[in-house]
Amino acid sequence: MSYEQLSAFAQTSGMIYFMTIFAAVCLYVFWPSNRAKFDKAARMPLENEDIDHVR
């Protein structure tokens, strides 16, 4: 196995690995049952009343 073949294999397998991870993250984020959790997290900074306001 030459350097070029090893390099091409590493690049291809790395691209497939990262595309798989990206697809898994997208599926997790856009899965309908996770919507309530993300909506709650998005409202959290606006609902936090424990912070002392700096004037």
PDB file of N, CA and C in Angstrom:
ATOM      1  N   MET A   1       0.856  -1.173   0.000  1.00  0.00           N
ATOM      2  CA  MET A   1       0.000   0.000   0.000  1.00  0.00           C
ATOM      3  C   MET A   1       0.900   1.232   0.000  1.00  0.00           C
ATOM      4  N   SER A   2       0.708   2.077  -0.987  1.00  0.00           N
ATOM      5  CA  SER A   2       1.532   3.272  -1.096  1.00  0.00           C
ATOM      6  C   SER A   2       0.958   4.400  -0.241  1.00  0.00           C
ATOM      7  N   TYR A   3       1.722   5.452  -0.135  1.00  0.00           N
ATOM      8  CA  TYR A   3       1.298   6.612   0.644  1.00  0.00           C
ATOM      9  C   TYR A   3       0.037   7.227   0.047  1.00  0.00           C
ATOM     10  N   GLU A   4      -0.027   7.302  -1.282  1.00  0.00           N
ATOM     11  CA  GLU A   4      -1.190   7.894  -1.937  1.00  0.00           C
ATOM     12  C   GLU A   4      -2.459   7.088  -1.670  1.00  0.00           C
ATOM     13  N   GLN A   5      -2.341   5.775  -1.692  1.00  0.00           N
ATOM     14  CA  GLN A   5      -3.497   4.928  -1.415  1.00  0.00           C
ATOM     15  C   GLN A   5      -3.942   5.067   0.040  1.00  0.00           C
ATOM     16  N   LEU A   6      -2.989   5.098   0.940  1.00  0.00           N
ATOM     17  CA  LEU A   6      -3.309   5.267   2.358  1.00  0.00           C
ATOM     18  C   LEU A   6      -3.929   6.630   2.616  1.00  0.00           C
ATOM     19  N   SER A   7      -3.406   7.654   1.961  1.00  0.00           N
ATOM     20  CA  SER A   7      -3.938   8.998   2.121  1.00  0.00           C
ATOM     21  C   SER A   7      -5.369   9.087   1.593  1.00  0.00           C
ATOM     22  N   ALA A   8      -5.609   8.503   0.424  1.00  0.00           N
ATOM     23  CA  ALA A   8      -6.961   8.521  -0.145  1.00  0.00           C
ATOM     24  C   ALA A   8      -7.931   7.756   0.748  1.00  0.00           C
ATOM     25  N   PHE A   9      -7.525   6.621   1.276  1.00  0.00           N
ATOM     26  CA  PHE A   9      -8.374   5.854   2.181  1.00  0.00           C
ATOM     27  C   PHE A   9      -8.690   6.645   3.442  1.00  0.00           C
ATOM     28  N   ALA A  10      -7.685   7.286   4.014  1.00  0.00           N
ATOM     29  CA  ALA A  10      -7.893   8.056   5.246  1.00  0.00           C
ATOM     30  C   ALA A  10      -8.826   9.243   4.991  1.00  0.00           C
ATOM     31  N   GLN A  11      -8.661   9.910   3.862  1.00  0.00           N
ATOM     32  CA  GLN A  11      -9.527  11.048   3.551  1.00  0.00           C
ATOM     33  C   GLN A  11     -10.966  10.612   3.331  1.00  0.00           C
ATOM     34  N   THR A  12     -11.140   9.528   2.605  1.00  0.00           N
ATOM     35  CA  THR A  12     -12.488   9.038   2.319  1.00  0.00           C
ATOM     36  C   THR A  12     -13.175   8.533   3.582  1.00  0.00           C
ATOM     37  N   SER A  13     -12.472   7.744   4.360  1.00  0.00           N
ATOM     38  CA  SER A  13     -13.089   7.225   5.578  1.00  0.00           C
ATOM     39  C   SER A  13     -13.348   8.342   6.585  1.00  0.00           C
ATOM     40  N   GLY A  14     -12.475   9.328   6.659  1.00  0.00           N
ATOM     41  CA  GLY A  14     -12.709  10.462   7.547  1.00  0.00           C
ATOM     42  C   GLY A  14     -13.919  11.269   7.129  1.00  0.00           C
ATOM     43  N   MET A  15     -14.083  11.467   5.807  1.00  0.00           N
ATOM     44  CA  MET A  15     -15.242  12.208   5.311  1.00  0.00           C
ATOM     45  C   MET A  15     -16.530  11.448   5.615  1.00  0.00           C
ATOM     46  N   ILE A  16     -16.524  10.147   5.407  1.00  0.00           N
ATOM     47  CA  ILE A  16     -17.710   9.335   5.698  1.00  0.00           C
ATOM     48  C   ILE A  16     -18.025   9.368   7.191  1.00  0.00           C
ATOM     49  N   TYR A  17     -16.993   9.295   8.028  1.00  0.00           N
ATOM     50  CA  TYR A  17     -17.171   9.340   9.482  1.00  0.00           C
ATOM     51  C   TYR A  17     -17.813  10.664   9.908  1.00  0.00           C
ATOM     52  N   PHE A  18     -17.285  11.787   9.436  1.00  0.00           N
ATOM     53  CA  PHE A  18     -17.810  13.085   9.852  1.00  0.00           C
ATOM     54  C   PHE A  18     -19.190  13.351   9.263  1.00  0.00           C
ATOM     55  N   MET A  19     -19.464  12.865   8.056  1.00  0.00           N
ATOM     56  CA  MET A  19     -20.808  13.013   7.495  1.00  0.00           C
ATOM     57  C   MET A  19     -21.823  12.199   8.295  1.00  0.00           C
ATOM     58  N   THR A  20     -21.423  11.029   8.768  1.00  0.00           N
ATOM     59  CA  THR A  20     -22.301  10.209   9.597  1.00  0.00           C
ATOM     60  C   THR A  20     -22.588  10.891  10.926  1.00  0.00           C
ATOM     61  N   ILE A  21     -21.549  11.439  11.540  1.00  0.00           N
ATOM     62  CA  ILE A  21     -21.740  12.163  12.808  1.00  0.00           C
ATOM     63  C   ILE A  21     -22.646  13.378  12.599  1.00  0.00           C
ATOM     64  N   PHE A  22     -22.435  14.123  11.509  1.00  0.00           N
ATOM     65  CA  PHE A  22     -23.260  15.296  11.208  1.00  0.00           C
ATOM     66  C   PHE A  22     -24.715  14.894  11.011  1.00  0.00           C
ATOM     67  N   ALA A  23     -24.952  13.816  10.268  1.00  0.00           N
ATOM     68  CA  ALA A  23     -26.325  13.348  10.039  1.00  0.00           C
ATOM     69  C   ALA A  23     -26.974  12.923  11.356  1.00  0.00           C
ATOM     70  N   ALA A  24     -26.222  12.267  12.227  1.00  0.00           N
ATOM     71  CA  ALA A  24     -26.763  11.842  13.521  1.00  0.00           C
ATOM     72  C   ALA A  24     -27.130  13.053  14.379  1.00  0.00           C
ATOM     73  N   VAL A  25     -26.298  14.072  14.374  1.00  0.00           N
ATOM     74  CA  VAL A  25     -26.591  15.285  15.141  1.00  0.00           C
ATOM     75  C   VAL A  25     -27.829  15.983  14.579  1.00  0.00           C
ATOM     76  N   CYS A  26     -27.926  16.066  13.256  1.00  0.00           N
ATOM     77  CA  CYS A  26     -29.104  16.693  12.642  1.00  0.00           C
ATOM     78  C   CYS A  26     -30.375  15.916  12.973  1.00  0.00           C
ATOM     79  N   LEU A  27     -30.315  14.597  12.927  1.00  0.00           N
ATOM     80  CA  LEU A  27     -31.482  13.799  13.287  1.00  0.00           C
ATOM     81  C   LEU A  27     -31.874  14.025  14.742  1.00  0.00           C
ATOM     82  N   TYR A  28     -30.891  14.104  15.625  1.00  0.00           N
ATOM     83  CA  TYR A  28     -31.180  14.337  17.041  1.00  0.00           C
ATOM     84  C   TYR A  28     -31.823  15.703  17.248  1.00  0.00           C
ATOM     85  N   VAL A  29     -31.288  16.712  16.594  1.00  0.00           N
ATOM     86  CA  VAL A  29     -31.786  18.074  16.787  1.00  0.00           C
ATOM     87  C   VAL A  29     -33.199  18.234  16.238  1.00  0.00           C
ATOM     88  N   PHE A  30     -33.476  17.652  15.086  1.00  0.00           N
ATOM     89  CA  PHE A  30     -34.771  17.861  14.442  1.00  0.00           C
ATOM     90  C   PHE A  30     -35.782  16.758  14.729  1.00  0.00           C
ATOM     91  N   TRP A  31     -35.478  15.845  15.632  1.00  0.00           N
ATOM     92  CA  TRP A  31     -36.426  14.791  15.996  1.00  0.00           C
ATOM     93  C   TRP A  31     -37.588  15.432  16.754  1.00  0.00           C
ATOM     94  N   PRO A  32     -38.818  15.143  16.386  1.00  0.00           N
ATOM     95  CA  PRO A  32     -39.971  15.833  16.989  1.00  0.00           C
ATOM     96  C   PRO A  32     -40.068  15.733  18.512  1.00  0.00           C
ATOM     97  N   SER A  33     -39.650  14.641  19.104  1.00  0.00           N
ATOM     98  CA  SER A  33     -39.782  14.515  20.552  1.00  0.00           C
ATOM     99  C   SER A  33     -38.782  15.384  21.318  1.00  0.00           C
ATOM    100  N   ASN A  34     -37.769  15.912  20.656  1.00  0.00           N
ATOM    101  CA  ASN A  34     -36.788  16.779  21.315  1.00  0.00           C
ATOM    102  C   ASN A  34     -37.177  18.254  21.257  1.00  0.00           C
ATOM    103  N   ARG A  35     -38.251  18.579  20.571  1.00  0.00           N
ATOM    104  CA  ARG A  35     -38.644  19.968  20.384  1.00  0.00           C
ATOM    105  C   ARG A  35     -38.918  20.678  21.716  1.00  0.00           C
ATOM    106  N   ALA A  36     -39.637  20.036  22.606  1.00  0.00           N
ATOM    107  CA  ALA A  36     -39.979  20.658  23.892  1.00  0.00           C
ATOM    108  C   ALA A  36     -38.718  20.952  24.698  1.00  0.00           C
ATOM    109  N   LYS A  37     -37.764  20.039  24.667  1.00  0.00           N
ATOM    110  CA  LYS A  37     -36.522  20.243  25.412  1.00  0.00           C
ATOM    111  C   LYS A  37     -35.745  21.447  24.875  1.00  0.00           C
ATOM    112  N   PHE A  38     -35.674  21.582  23.553  1.00  0.00           N
ATOM    113  CA  PHE A  38     -34.939  22.700  22.960  1.00  0.00           C
ATOM    114  C   PHE A  38     -35.694  24.014  23.117  1.00  0.00           C
ATOM    115  N   ASP A  39     -37.015  23.964  23.060  1.00  0.00           N
ATOM    116  CA  ASP A  39     -37.794  25.186  23.303  1.00  0.00           C
ATOM    117  C   ASP A  39     -37.601  25.678  24.733  1.00  0.00           C
ATOM    118  N   LYS A  40     -37.586  24.756  25.687  1.00  0.00           N
ATOM    119  CA  LYS A  40     -37.361  25.123  27.089  1.00  0.00           C
ATOM    120  C   LYS A  40     -35.968  25.732  27.270  1.00  0.00           C
ATOM    121  N   ALA A  41     -34.971  25.141  26.631  1.00  0.00           N
ATOM    122  CA  ALA A  41     -33.606  25.666  26.726  1.00  0.00           C
ATOM    123  C   ALA A  41     -33.489  27.034  26.059  1.00  0.00           C
ATOM    124  N   ALA A  42     -34.243  27.270  25.003  1.00  0.00           N
ATOM    125  CA  ALA A  42     -34.198  28.561  24.327  1.00  0.00           C
ATOM    126  C   ALA A  42     -34.828  29.673  25.165  1.00  0.00           C
ATOM    127  N   ARG A  43     -35.843  29.333  25.959  1.00  0.00           N
ATOM    128  CA  ARG A  43     -36.507  30.332  26.813  1.00  0.00           C
ATOM    129  C   ARG A  43     -35.803  30.545  28.144  1.00  0.00           C
ATOM    130  N   MET A  44     -34.904  29.670  28.504  1.00  0.00           N
ATOM    131  CA  MET A  44     -34.271  29.718  29.818  1.00  0.00           C
ATOM    132  C   MET A  44     -33.588  31.062  30.126  1.00  0.00           C
ATOM    133  N   PRO A  45     -32.816  31.659  29.224  1.00  0.00           N
ATOM    134  CA  PRO A  45     -32.184  32.940  29.569  1.00  0.00           C
ATOM    135  C   PRO A  45     -33.190  34.064  29.815  1.00  0.00           C
ATOM    136  N   LEU A  46     -34.346  33.990  29.181  1.00  0.00           N
ATOM    137  CA  LEU A  46     -35.342  35.042  29.344  1.00  0.00           C
ATOM    138  C   LEU A  46     -36.150  34.886  30.623  1.00  0.00           C
ATOM    139  N   GLU A  47     -36.230  33.678  31.152  1.00  0.00           N
ATOM    140  CA  GLU A  47     -37.033  33.414  32.338  1.00  0.00           C
ATOM    141  C   GLU A  47     -36.235  33.423  33.634  1.00  0.00           C
ATOM    142  N   ASN A  48     -34.937  33.561  33.554  1.00  0.00           N
ATOM    143  CA  ASN A  48     -34.104  33.505  34.740  1.00  0.00           C
ATOM    144  C   ASN A  48     -34.200  34.832  35.487  1.00  0.00           C
ATOM    145  N   GLU A  49     -34.800  34.811  36.664  1.00  0.00           N
ATOM    146  CA  GLU A  49     -34.983  36.016  37.466  1.00  0.00           C
ATOM    147  C   GLU A  49     -33.994  36.095  38.615  1.00  0.00           C
ATOM    148  N   ASP A  50     -33.102  35.134  38.745  1.00  0.00           N
ATOM    149  CA  ASP A  50     -32.161  35.107  39.853  1.00  0.00           C
ATOM    150  C   ASP A  50     -30.941  35.988  39.599  1.00  0.00           C
ATOM    151  N   ILE A  51     -30.800  36.510  38.412  1.00  0.00           N
ATOM    152  CA  ILE A  51     -29.619  37.309  38.067  1.00  0.00           C
ATOM    153  C   ILE A  51     -29.795  38.728  38.580  1.00  0.00           C
ATOM    154  N   ASP A  52     -28.792  39.246  39.266  1.00  0.00           N
ATOM    155  CA  ASP A  52     -28.796  40.635  39.701  1.00  0.00           C
ATOM    156  C   ASP A  52     -28.509  41.506  38.501  1.00  0.00           C
ATOM    157  N   HIS A  53     -29.400  42.442  38.248  1.00  0.00           N
ATOM    158  CA  HIS A  53     -29.219  43.314  37.103  1.00  0.00           C
ATOM    159  C   HIS A  53     -28.210  44.419  37.426  1.00  0.00           C
ATOM    160  N   VAL A  54     -27.272  44.616  36.544  1.00  0.00           N
ATOM    161  CA  VAL A  54     -26.259  45.664  36.716  1.00  0.00           C
ATOM    162  C   VAL A  54     -26.807  46.947  36.124  1.00  0.00           C
ATOM    163  N   ARG A  55     -26.751  48.005  36.885  1.00  0.00           N
ATOM    164  CA  ARG A  55     -27.296  49.282  36.415  1.00  0.00           C
ATOM    165  C   ARG A  55     -26.211  50.214  36.005  1.00  0.00           C
TER     166      ARG A  55
END
